[in-house]
Amino acid sequence: MQYFVMTCKGEYPTAALKKGPQLGPPWYSGRVIVGVPEPLIYTLDPERPGNIIAMYDDIKYPLIRDDLLHALISAGVDNLQLFEAVIQDTANKKEYNIYKAFNVVGVVSAADMDKSVLMGISQSRMIDTDFDSLAIDEKKAIPFKLFRLAENVSAIIADSTVKEMVEQCKIKGMEFYDPQDWSG
């Protein structure tokens, strides 16, 4: 099985979020989250308008659009915790109810540190390791279709089945980096 780093760049120009809910720590731990008030409210930044994107994963409480969520579930992803969410576009007086806030349950220590290339010297080899090139230990990753990488929890790793399903659904702006070409 081949694995990829899944991100979303969107279609240029992309709409940016101005603010999101204030709930506590970021959802990068992989733990199940309880006591979340729904719906979670996000606001678009009126100074950075553009196209809304399929996934906002670089924020404290990530968002996924319904079409992408459907593709992930169709590919067999079963470790997402979902919460109702609304994106408000105050400049255009619109609301988008086609998103869920999501938590990827579980982190996997699947980086092959001997084959990966690091940027600089990291104090720790977990949570926020800076990679110039990542190598995935497929034996550790194989039972998972989608997971956060324990060595750098900002990285969402997807297997080739997930990549193929998202591509088949033609969800614009989704990108799948070969781990060796990913820096983060």
Protein backbone atom coordinates (compact mmCIF):
# COMPACT_ATOMS: atom_id res chain seq x y z
CA MET A 1 0.00 0.00 0.00
CA GLN A 2 1.28 3.45 -0.82
CA TYR A 3 0.70 6.46 1.44
CA PHE A 4 0.42 10.19 0.70
CA VAL A 5 0.27 13.46 2.62
CA MET A 6 -3.24 14.84 2.00
CA THR A 7 -3.74 18.60 1.85
CA CYS A 8 -6.09 21.08 0.23
CA LYS A 9 -4.88 24.11 -1.67
CA GLY A 10 -8.25 24.91 -3.20
CA GLU A 11 -8.97 26.86 -6.36
CA TYR A 12 -7.26 30.22 -6.57
CA PRO A 13 -8.22 32.61 -5.11
CA THR A 14 -9.11 30.73 -1.94
CA ALA A 15 -11.27 32.16 0.78
CA ALA A 16 -9.56 32.43 4.14
CA LEU A 17 -11.17 31.95 7.51
CA LYS A 18 -10.99 34.94 9.83
CA LYS A 19 -11.95 33.16 12.99
CA GLY A 20 -13.26 29.91 14.31
CA PRO A 21 -14.62 28.61 17.57
CA GLN A 22 -12.70 28.99 20.81
CA LEU A 23 -12.79 25.54 22.41
CA GLY A 24 -9.45 24.80 23.97
CA PRO A 25 -6.45 22.90 22.61
CA PRO A 26 -6.15 22.05 18.91
CA TRP A 27 -7.52 18.78 17.64
CA TYR A 28 -4.16 17.24 16.75
CA SER A 29 -3.92 14.80 19.62
CA GLY A 30 -5.89 12.01 17.98
CA ARG A 31 -8.00 11.62 21.12
CA VAL A 32 -11.78 11.47 21.07
CA ILE A 33 -13.22 14.89 21.90
CA VAL A 34 -16.25 15.33 24.16
CA GLY A 35 -18.47 18.24 25.11
CA VAL A 36 -18.30 20.15 21.84
CA PRO A 37 -21.11 22.72 21.45
CA GLU A 38 -22.71 22.42 18.01
CA PRO A 39 -22.82 23.91 15.52
CA LEU A 40 -19.29 25.27 15.51
CA ILE A 41 -19.25 28.73 13.93
CA TYR A 42 -16.48 29.87 11.56
CA THR A 43 -16.30 33.24 9.78
CA LEU A 44 -14.74 34.00 6.41
CA ASP A 45 -12.24 36.84 6.29
CA PRO A 46 -13.88 39.63 4.23
CA GLU A 47 -10.41 40.97 3.37
CA ARG A 48 -9.37 37.64 1.80
CA PRO A 49 -12.34 36.61 -0.36
CA GLY A 50 -12.33 33.77 -2.84
CA ASN A 51 -13.46 30.21 -3.34
CA ILE A 52 -14.28 28.13 -0.29
CA ILE A 53 -12.20 24.97 -0.27
CA ALA A 54 -12.92 21.31 0.42
CA MET A 55 -10.83 21.10 3.57
CA TYR A 56 -9.41 23.64 5.99
CA ASP A 57 -6.84 21.48 7.76
CA ASP A 58 -4.35 24.10 8.85
CA ILE A 59 -6.62 25.53 11.54
CA LYS A 60 -7.10 24.66 15.21
CA TYR A 61 -10.43 22.89 14.57
CA PRO A 62 -10.33 21.54 10.99
CA LEU A 63 -13.25 21.61 8.56
CA ILE A 64 -14.22 19.22 5.80
CA ARG A 65 -16.81 19.79 3.07
CA ASP A 66 -19.55 17.19 2.67
CA ASP A 67 -18.41 15.99 -0.79
CA LEU A 68 -14.90 15.26 0.48
CA LEU A 69 -16.29 13.59 3.59
CA HIS A 70 -18.46 11.35 1.40
CA ALA A 71 -15.39 10.37 -0.67
CA LEU A 72 -13.40 9.50 2.46
CA ILE A 73 -16.21 7.37 3.87
CA SER A 74 -16.66 5.66 0.49
CA ALA A 75 -12.94 4.79 0.58
CA GLY A 76 -13.43 3.10 3.96
CA VAL A 77 -12.22 5.82 6.34
CA ASP A 78 -13.89 5.14 9.68
CA ASN A 79 -11.85 7.08 12.23
CA LEU A 80 -13.29 10.58 11.89
CA GLN A 81 -15.18 12.30 14.67
CA LEU A 82 -17.58 14.84 13.15
CA PHE A 83 -19.34 17.92 14.46
CA GLU A 84 -21.93 20.20 12.86
CA ALA A 85 -20.33 23.40 11.55
CA VAL A 86 -21.35 26.60 9.80
CA ILE A 87 -19.18 29.01 7.85
CA GLN A 88 -20.53 32.53 7.88
CA ASP A 89 -19.76 34.89 5.01
CA THR A 90 -20.63 38.22 6.63
CA ALA A 91 -19.59 40.25 3.56
CA ASN A 92 -22.12 38.49 1.32
CA LYS A 93 -24.63 37.62 4.04
CA LYS A 94 -24.41 33.88 3.33
CA GLU A 95 -23.99 30.77 5.42
CA TYR A 96 -22.43 27.52 4.29
CA ASN A 97 -23.92 24.45 5.97
CA ILE A 98 -21.97 21.98 3.83
CA TYR A 99 -19.12 21.42 6.30
CA LYS A 100 -18.35 19.36 9.34
CA ALA A 101 -15.67 20.11 11.88
CA PHE A 102 -13.57 16.96 12.03
CA ASN A 103 -11.16 15.21 14.32
CA VAL A 104 -8.95 12.40 13.00
CA VAL A 105 -9.06 9.87 15.82
CA GLY A 106 -5.70 8.23 16.37
CA VAL A 107 -2.14 9.19 15.56
CA VAL A 108 0.33 6.71 14.13
CA SER A 109 4.08 6.71 14.58
CA ALA A 110 4.79 5.70 10.98
CA ALA A 111 7.71 7.90 9.94
CA ASP A 112 10.77 5.92 8.98
CA MET A 113 13.25 8.24 10.67
CA ASP A 114 16.30 6.52 9.17
CA LYS A 115 15.05 7.18 5.62
CA SER A 116 13.47 10.61 6.23
CA VAL A 117 15.38 13.88 5.88
CA LEU A 118 14.89 16.37 8.71
CA MET A 119 15.13 20.15 8.55
CA GLY A 120 17.49 21.41 11.22
CA ILE A 121 17.68 19.82 14.61
CA SER A 122 14.46 18.94 16.38
CA GLN A 123 14.28 18.81 20.16
CA SER A 124 11.83 15.94 19.87
CA ARG A 125 11.06 13.38 17.23
CA MET A 126 7.34 13.52 17.99
CA ILE A 127 4.47 15.96 17.36
CA ASP A 128 6.28 18.66 15.36
CA THR A 129 9.32 17.19 13.67
CA ASP A 130 10.29 19.29 10.65
CA PHE A 131 10.72 17.07 7.62
CA ASP A 132 12.43 18.07 4.40
CA SER A 133 11.51 14.66 3.01
CA LEU A 134 9.34 12.06 4.70
CA ALA A 135 9.55 8.29 4.45
CA ILE A 136 6.59 6.21 5.67
CA ASP A 137 7.10 2.85 7.35
CA GLU A 138 4.26 1.05 5.59
CA LYS A 139 4.24 -1.84 8.09
CA LYS A 140 3.22 0.59 10.84
CA ALA A 141 0.72 2.42 8.63
CA ILE A 142 -0.94 -0.52 6.89
CA PRO A 143 -4.04 -0.97 9.05
CA PHE A 144 -5.01 2.69 8.60
CA LYS A 145 -6.62 4.41 5.61
CA LEU A 146 -6.25 7.92 7.09
CA PHE A 147 -4.32 9.13 10.12
CA ARG A 148 -2.30 11.93 11.63
CA LEU A 149 1.42 11.29 11.69
CA ALA A 150 2.65 11.13 15.32
CA GLU A 151 6.01 12.63 14.39
CA ASN A 152 4.31 15.71 12.83
CA VAL A 153 0.62 15.86 13.74
CA SER A 154 -0.13 18.55 11.16
CA ALA A 155 0.37 15.88 8.47
CA ILE A 156 -2.73 13.92 7.48
CA ILE A 157 -1.65 10.68 5.80
CA ALA A 158 -3.96 8.86 3.37
CA ASP A 159 -3.54 5.52 1.67
CA SER A 160 -3.81 5.04 -2.09
CA THR A 161 -7.46 3.90 -1.84
CA VAL A 162 -8.40 7.25 -0.30
CA LYS A 163 -6.38 9.16 -2.90
CA GLU A 164 -8.02 7.27 -5.76
CA MET A 165 -11.54 7.83 -4.41
CA VAL A 166 -11.00 11.57 -3.89
CA GLU A 167 -9.57 11.85 -7.41
CA GLN A 168 -12.47 9.83 -8.83
CA CYS A 169 -14.92 12.24 -7.15
CA LYS A 170 -13.05 15.15 -8.81
CA ILE A 171 -12.83 17.27 -5.69
CA LYS A 172 -10.96 20.36 -6.81
CA GLY A 173 -7.97 21.59 -4.89
CA MET A 174 -7.16 18.35 -3.08
CA GLU A 175 -3.49 17.44 -3.25
CA PHE A 176 -1.71 14.22 -2.38
CA TYR A 177 2.03 14.57 -1.94
CA ASP A 178 4.36 11.66 -2.24
CA PRO A 179 5.90 11.69 1.25
CA GLN A 180 9.42 12.11 -0.11
CA ASP A 181 8.30 15.34 -1.85
CA TRP A 182 6.62 16.75 1.27
CA SER A 183 8.17 19.29 3.60
CA GLY A 184 6.51 20.20 6.83
